[in-house]
Amino acid sequence: MSSRNDFFHNVSAQVVAGVLLLGIAALIAVMVHSCSQGGAVAGATSAPSPAGPSPAGPSTAAAASSEPPGSPAPSTAGPAEASPGGTAASPLVAVEHAAWSVSDCRLSRADGVPVLHATVYVKNKDPNTAHSYTTAVVFGPDSDRLAADTIYVDEVKPLQTGKNEVVDTNPSPSVASVPDGPVACRITEISDYDTGASVQE
C-alpha cells in the first residue's frame, strides 16, 4: 500500500512539474513573441517613410516650382519699353522741331524753255545742334502736278533759318498750257537729312 501511494505521489509530482514547465515555456514564448512584435513596431516607427521628406532637406515635391506647367521662368532682365499697343518697342528717334515755308513760286520761259522756280526756307528750332533738312516741294494742283522736287537745306545753325533755291528745268508737259508768272506750290514733307527723323512745327 505504501509503495502504491509513493507511486501516485511521484506521478502527481511529475505531472505538476510538467504543467509548471509547460506554463513557464508558454509564458516565455509569449514574452519572446511580445518582445519581437514590439521591436518590429519600434523599428517601423523609427525608420523614415519612403514617401515622407528626407531629414537632410526638402523633398523633390517641395522643391518643385509652383508655377503652372509650361509657364515661362521669370526673367531677370529689366523691364522692356512697351509701345501703347503693349508690345516691346525699339528706341525711337526723337522728333525734331522746325518751321518751314516756300515762296516765290513761279514759271518762266527763257528762250522758250519752261523753268519752275521757288525758294525753300527752314528755321531750326533746336537751340543746341545744327541740322540739315530734306524737303519735298510740289508745283501745281494735286490733280495735275507740274513738278515734284526734293530740295536740301544744309547745316542750319541752332535757332537760325536756312534756305535753298528750286530750279526745275524739266516740268510736266502740261506746263505748256500754263502762262508765265506765279504758280501754286507747297512743301508736302520734311525730315532730318542725316537721321531721317520726322520734323514737326
Protein backbone atom coordinates (compact mmCIF):
# COMPACT_ATOMS: atom_id res chain seq x y z
CA MET A 1 0.00 0.00 0.00
CA SER A 2 2.78 2.39 0.83
CA SER A 3 4.53 1.66 -2.48
CA ARG A 4 1.32 2.42 -4.42
CA ASN A 5 0.92 5.70 -2.58
CA ASP A 6 4.52 6.63 -3.33
CA PHE A 7 3.98 5.80 -7.00
CA PHE A 8 0.91 8.01 -7.25
CA HIS A 9 2.69 10.72 -5.33
CA ASN A 10 5.64 10.62 -7.74
CA VAL A 11 3.35 10.63 -10.79
CA SER A 12 1.39 13.59 -9.43
CA ALA A 13 4.57 15.47 -8.75
CA GLN A 14 5.82 14.79 -12.26
CA VAL A 15 2.51 15.94 -13.76
CA VAL A 16 2.56 19.11 -11.69
CA ALA A 17 6.18 19.73 -12.67
CA GLY A 18 5.36 19.12 -16.34
CA VAL A 19 2.41 21.51 -16.18
CA LEU A 20 4.59 24.10 -14.50
CA LEU A 21 7.29 23.64 -17.15
CA LEU A 22 4.71 23.93 -19.92
CA GLY A 23 3.31 27.07 -18.31
CA ILE A 24 6.75 28.59 -17.94
CA ALA A 25 7.59 27.68 -21.55
CA ALA A 26 4.32 29.20 -22.75
CA LEU A 27 4.97 32.34 -20.71
CA ILE A 28 8.48 32.64 -22.13
CA ALA A 29 7.13 32.11 -25.65
CA VAL A 30 4.52 34.82 -25.12
CA MET A 31 7.16 37.21 -23.76
CA VAL A 32 9.51 36.48 -26.63
CA HIS A 33 6.68 36.99 -29.10
CA SER A 34 5.69 40.25 -27.42
CA CYS A 35 9.29 41.49 -27.44
CA SER A 36 9.73 40.62 -31.11
CA GLN A 37 6.46 42.40 -32.04
CA GLY A 38 7.43 45.43 -30.01
CA GLY A 39 10.82 45.58 -31.71
CA ALA A 40 9.23 45.32 -35.12
CA VAL A 41 6.80 48.14 -34.31
CA ALA A 42 9.56 50.27 -32.90
CA GLY A 43 11.65 49.67 -35.99
CA ALA A 44 8.75 50.59 -38.25
CA THR A 45 8.04 53.83 -36.44
CA SER A 46 11.69 54.89 -36.24
CA ALA A 47 12.50 54.15 -39.90
CA PRO A 48 11.84 57.05 -42.33
CA SER A 49 8.81 56.62 -44.53
CA PRO A 50 9.70 56.28 -48.21
CA ALA A 51 7.05 58.83 -49.13
CA GLY A 52 7.99 61.31 -46.38
CA PRO A 53 10.51 64.14 -46.64
CA SER A 54 14.17 63.37 -46.14
CA PRO A 55 15.63 64.69 -42.88
CA ALA A 56 18.56 66.12 -44.86
CA GLY A 57 16.42 68.58 -46.84
CA PRO A 58 13.12 69.25 -48.57
CA SER A 59 11.60 66.61 -50.79
CA THR A 60 11.63 66.98 -54.56
CA ALA A 61 7.94 67.83 -54.43
CA ALA A 62 8.62 70.73 -52.10
CA ALA A 63 11.46 71.95 -54.28
CA ALA A 64 9.40 71.92 -57.48
CA SER A 65 8.16 75.19 -58.97
CA SER A 66 4.70 76.36 -58.02
CA GLU A 67 4.24 77.85 -61.48
CA PRO A 68 1.78 76.11 -63.83
CA PRO A 69 3.36 73.61 -66.22
CA GLY A 70 4.75 75.26 -69.29
CA SER A 71 4.81 78.75 -67.79
CA PRO A 72 7.97 80.71 -68.63
CA ALA A 73 10.58 81.21 -65.97
CA PRO A 74 10.67 84.75 -64.59
CA SER A 75 13.12 86.94 -66.44
CA THR A 76 15.99 88.62 -64.66
CA ALA A 77 16.24 91.29 -67.34
CA GLY A 78 14.98 94.77 -66.68
CA PRO A 79 11.57 95.89 -67.92
CA ALA A 80 11.36 96.47 -71.65
CA GLU A 81 9.90 99.59 -73.05
CA ALA A 82 6.44 98.97 -74.43
CA SER A 83 4.57 100.73 -77.15
CA PRO A 84 0.97 101.89 -76.47
CA GLY A 85 -0.20 98.63 -78.11
CA GLY A 86 1.56 96.62 -75.44
CA THR A 87 4.44 95.22 -77.49
CA ALA A 88 8.05 95.89 -76.90
CA ALA A 89 9.16 98.97 -78.78
CA SER A 90 12.51 99.73 -80.30
CA PRO A 91 14.14 103.05 -79.36
CA LEU A 92 12.62 105.86 -81.43
CA VAL A 93 14.49 108.78 -82.97
CA ALA A 94 13.39 111.95 -81.23
CA VAL A 95 11.05 114.16 -83.21
CA GLU A 96 12.73 117.39 -84.28
CA HIS A 97 11.07 120.78 -84.49
CA ALA A 98 11.44 123.38 -87.20
CA ALA A 99 9.42 125.94 -89.12
CA TRP A 100 9.35 125.99 -92.92
CA SER A 101 7.85 127.79 -95.87
CA VAL A 102 8.21 128.11 -99.63
CA SER A 103 7.86 131.34 -101.57
CA ASP A 104 8.34 132.99 -104.97
CA CYS A 105 6.81 130.01 -106.78
CA ARG A 106 6.69 130.93 -110.48
CA LEU A 107 7.04 129.73 -114.04
CA SER A 108 9.30 131.48 -116.54
CA ARG A 109 10.36 130.75 -120.06
CA ALA A 110 13.87 131.64 -121.16
CA ASP A 111 14.38 131.02 -124.85
CA GLY A 112 11.08 129.17 -124.84
CA VAL A 113 12.16 126.60 -122.24
CA PRO A 114 9.79 126.43 -119.24
CA VAL A 115 11.50 126.67 -115.84
CA LEU A 116 9.86 126.43 -112.40
CA HIS A 117 11.36 128.45 -109.56
CA ALA A 118 10.82 128.60 -105.76
CA THR A 119 12.69 129.36 -102.54
CA VAL A 120 12.52 127.00 -99.55
CA TYR A 121 13.11 128.29 -96.00
CA VAL A 122 13.63 126.16 -92.88
CA LYS A 123 14.16 127.52 -89.37
CA ASN A 124 15.98 125.17 -86.98
CA LYS A 125 14.25 125.26 -83.58
CA ASP A 126 16.92 123.16 -81.86
CA PRO A 127 18.85 125.56 -79.56
CA ASN A 128 21.94 123.34 -79.41
CA THR A 129 22.55 121.47 -82.67
CA ALA A 130 22.74 122.29 -86.37
CA HIS A 131 20.53 120.20 -88.69
CA SER A 132 20.20 119.56 -92.41
CA TYR A 133 16.75 119.03 -93.89
CA THR A 134 15.17 117.19 -96.78
CA THR A 135 12.03 118.81 -98.20
CA ALA A 136 9.57 117.73 -100.87
CA VAL A 137 8.23 120.61 -102.98
CA VAL A 138 5.23 120.17 -105.30
CA PHE A 139 4.20 122.63 -108.02
CA GLY A 140 0.63 122.85 -109.29
CA PRO A 141 -2.55 121.17 -108.04
CA ASP A 142 -2.64 117.50 -106.97
CA SER A 143 -4.88 116.72 -109.94
CA ASP A 144 -2.23 117.95 -112.40
CA ARG A 145 1.19 118.38 -110.84
CA LEU A 146 3.63 120.42 -112.85
CA ALA A 147 6.65 119.09 -110.93
CA ALA A 148 7.75 117.45 -107.65
CA ASP A 149 11.26 118.20 -106.39
CA THR A 150 13.42 117.10 -103.44
CA ILE A 151 15.28 120.09 -102.02
CA TYR A 152 18.00 120.01 -99.35
CA VAL A 153 18.64 122.78 -96.84
CA ASP A 154 22.08 122.10 -95.37
CA GLU A 155 23.60 122.81 -91.96
CA VAL A 156 21.08 125.20 -90.49
CA LYS A 157 22.59 126.52 -87.26
CA PRO A 158 20.66 126.44 -83.97
CA LEU A 159 17.73 128.87 -83.98
CA GLN A 160 18.74 130.12 -87.45
CA THR A 161 16.93 129.95 -90.82
CA GLY A 162 18.45 128.31 -93.86
CA LYS A 163 17.22 128.43 -97.47
CA ASN A 164 17.70 126.84 -100.87
CA GLU A 165 16.52 127.64 -104.36
CA VAL A 166 14.37 125.40 -106.55
CA VAL A 167 15.10 125.45 -110.29
CA ASP A 168 13.25 122.74 -112.19
CA THR A 169 14.02 122.70 -115.91
CA ASN A 170 12.07 119.52 -116.63
CA PRO A 171 8.43 120.11 -115.61
CA SER A 172 5.44 118.09 -116.75
CA PRO A 173 4.32 118.58 -120.38
CA SER A 174 1.09 120.08 -119.07
CA VAL A 175 3.12 123.20 -118.22
CA ALA A 176 2.69 124.18 -121.87
CA SER A 177 -0.79 125.50 -121.08
CA VAL A 178 0.37 127.46 -118.01
CA PRO A 179 1.29 131.12 -118.56
CA ASP A 180 4.46 132.62 -117.18
CA GLY A 181 4.13 134.03 -113.68
CA PRO A 182 3.14 132.79 -110.21
CA VAL A 183 2.09 129.17 -109.78
CA ALA A 184 0.84 127.25 -106.76
CA CYS A 185 3.46 125.31 -104.77
CA ARG A 186 3.85 123.82 -101.30
CA ILE A 187 6.12 121.70 -99.09
CA THR A 188 4.49 118.30 -98.62
CA GLU A 189 7.15 116.62 -96.46
CA ILE A 190 10.20 117.49 -94.35
CA SER A 191 12.66 115.32 -92.42
CA ASP A 192 16.17 115.39 -90.99
CA TYR A 193 18.63 114.66 -93.81
CA ASP A 194 21.10 112.77 -91.57
CA THR A 195 18.81 110.73 -89.31
CA GLY A 196 15.51 110.57 -91.18
CA ALA A 197 13.73 111.83 -88.06
CA SER A 198 10.33 113.36 -88.53
CA VAL A 199 10.25 117.15 -88.32
CA GLN A 200 7.27 118.96 -86.84
CA GLU A 201 6.37 122.59 -86.41
